[in-house]
Amino acid sequence: MFRKPAALINNTALKQADNSLKEIYDNYYKSREKDFIELIQLVGEIGIDEVKEVLKY
């Protein structure tokens, strides 16, 4: 994904992801796929609830 971050948009994993994660992508990370990939890694480390709290989502 780091080599072709735009492929993330059509990725089956994103389509099956938690709705909150999709909304975060749509609201904050459209056209910033590399940054979103880093966010996904952070979600894996600390969880979606912590990320949503930081974003005040």
C-alpha atoms as a PDB file:
ATOM      1  CA  MET A   1       0.000   0.000   0.000  1.00  0.00           C
ATOM      2  CA  PHE A   2       2.863   2.422   0.602  1.00  0.00           C
ATOM      3  CA  ARG A   3       3.996   2.052  -2.993  1.00  0.00           C
ATOM      4  CA  LYS A   4       0.520   2.598  -4.480  1.00  0.00           C
ATOM      5  CA  PRO A   5      -1.516   4.409  -1.854  1.00  0.00           C
ATOM      6  CA  ALA A   6      -4.210   5.452  -4.330  1.00  0.00           C
ATOM      7  CA  ALA A   7      -5.093   1.771  -4.678  1.00  0.00           C
ATOM      8  CA  LEU A   8      -6.468   2.063  -1.159  1.00  0.00           C
ATOM      9  CA  ILE A   9      -9.611   3.751  -2.454  1.00  0.00           C
ATOM     10  CA  ASN A  10     -10.713   0.635  -4.331  1.00  0.00           C
ATOM     11  CA  ASN A  11      -9.329  -1.780  -1.768  1.00  0.00           C
ATOM     12  CA  THR A  12     -11.724  -4.441  -0.530  1.00  0.00           C
ATOM     13  CA  ALA A  13     -10.377  -3.996   2.988  1.00  0.00           C
ATOM     14  CA  LEU A  14     -11.461  -0.355   3.069  1.00  0.00           C
ATOM     15  CA  LYS A  15     -14.874  -1.255   1.701  1.00  0.00           C
ATOM     16  CA  GLN A  16     -15.271  -3.797   4.505  1.00  0.00           C
ATOM     17  CA  ALA A  17     -13.791  -1.533   7.179  1.00  0.00           C
ATOM     18  CA  ASP A  18     -15.646  -0.046  10.105  1.00  0.00           C
ATOM     19  CA  ASN A  19     -17.973   2.760   9.012  1.00  0.00           C
ATOM     20  CA  SER A  20     -16.138   5.154  11.320  1.00  0.00           C
ATOM     21  CA  LEU A  21     -12.881   4.504   9.491  1.00  0.00           C
ATOM     22  CA  LYS A  22     -14.544   5.110   6.128  1.00  0.00           C
ATOM     23  CA  GLU A  23     -16.055   8.366   7.361  1.00  0.00           C
ATOM     24  CA  ILE A  24     -12.690   9.511   8.721  1.00  0.00           C
ATOM     25  CA  TYR A  25     -11.176   8.811   5.304  1.00  0.00           C
ATOM     26  CA  ASP A  26     -13.947  10.691   3.504  1.00  0.00           C
ATOM     27  CA  ASN A  27     -13.826  13.682   5.854  1.00  0.00           C
ATOM     28  CA  TYR A  28     -10.099  14.086   6.460  1.00  0.00           C
ATOM     29  CA  TYR A  29      -7.934  11.987   4.148  1.00  0.00           C
ATOM     30  CA  LYS A  30      -9.337  12.066   0.612  1.00  0.00           C
ATOM     31  CA  SER A  31      -6.401  12.564  -1.740  1.00  0.00           C
ATOM     32  CA  ARG A  32      -4.008  12.035   1.207  1.00  0.00           C
ATOM     33  CA  GLU A  33      -3.806   8.263   1.020  1.00  0.00           C
ATOM     34  CA  LYS A  34      -0.271   7.963   2.405  1.00  0.00           C
ATOM     35  CA  ASP A  35      -1.321   9.794   5.548  1.00  0.00           C
ATOM     36  CA  PHE A  36      -4.397   7.578   5.837  1.00  0.00           C
ATOM     37  CA  ILE A  37      -2.245   4.459   5.666  1.00  0.00           C
ATOM     38  CA  GLU A  38      -0.273   5.785   8.628  1.00  0.00           C
ATOM     39  CA  LEU A  39      -3.551   6.381  10.446  1.00  0.00           C
ATOM     40  CA  ILE A  40      -4.609   2.783   9.776  1.00  0.00           C
ATOM     41  CA  GLN A  41      -1.365   1.615  11.350  1.00  0.00           C
ATOM     42  CA  LEU A  42      -2.096   3.806  14.364  1.00  0.00           C
ATOM     43  CA  VAL A  43      -5.603   2.329  14.616  1.00  0.00           C
ATOM     44  CA  GLY A  44      -3.974  -1.093  14.715  1.00  0.00           C
ATOM     45  CA  GLU A  45      -1.774  -0.001  17.595  1.00  0.00           C
ATOM     46  CA  ILE A  46      -4.177   1.997  19.772  1.00  0.00           C
ATOM     47  CA  GLY A  47      -7.656   1.245  18.425  1.00  0.00           C
ATOM     48  CA  ILE A  48     -10.307   3.145  16.517  1.00  0.00           C
ATOM     49  CA  ASP A  49     -11.906   4.606  19.660  1.00  0.00           C
ATOM     50  CA  GLU A  50      -8.695   6.393  20.653  1.00  0.00           C
ATOM     51  CA  VAL A  51      -8.238   7.757  17.139  1.00  0.00           C
ATOM     52  CA  LYS A  52     -11.828   9.017  17.028  1.00  0.00           C
ATOM     53  CA  GLU A  53     -11.328  10.713  20.392  1.00  0.00           C
ATOM     54  CA  VAL A  54      -8.244  12.532  19.136  1.00  0.00           C
ATOM     55  CA  LEU A  55     -10.102  13.657  16.029  1.00  0.00           C
ATOM     56  CA  LYS A  56     -13.132  14.556  18.154  1.00  0.00           C
ATOM     57  CA  TYR A  57     -15.128  12.454  15.751  1.00  0.00           C
END
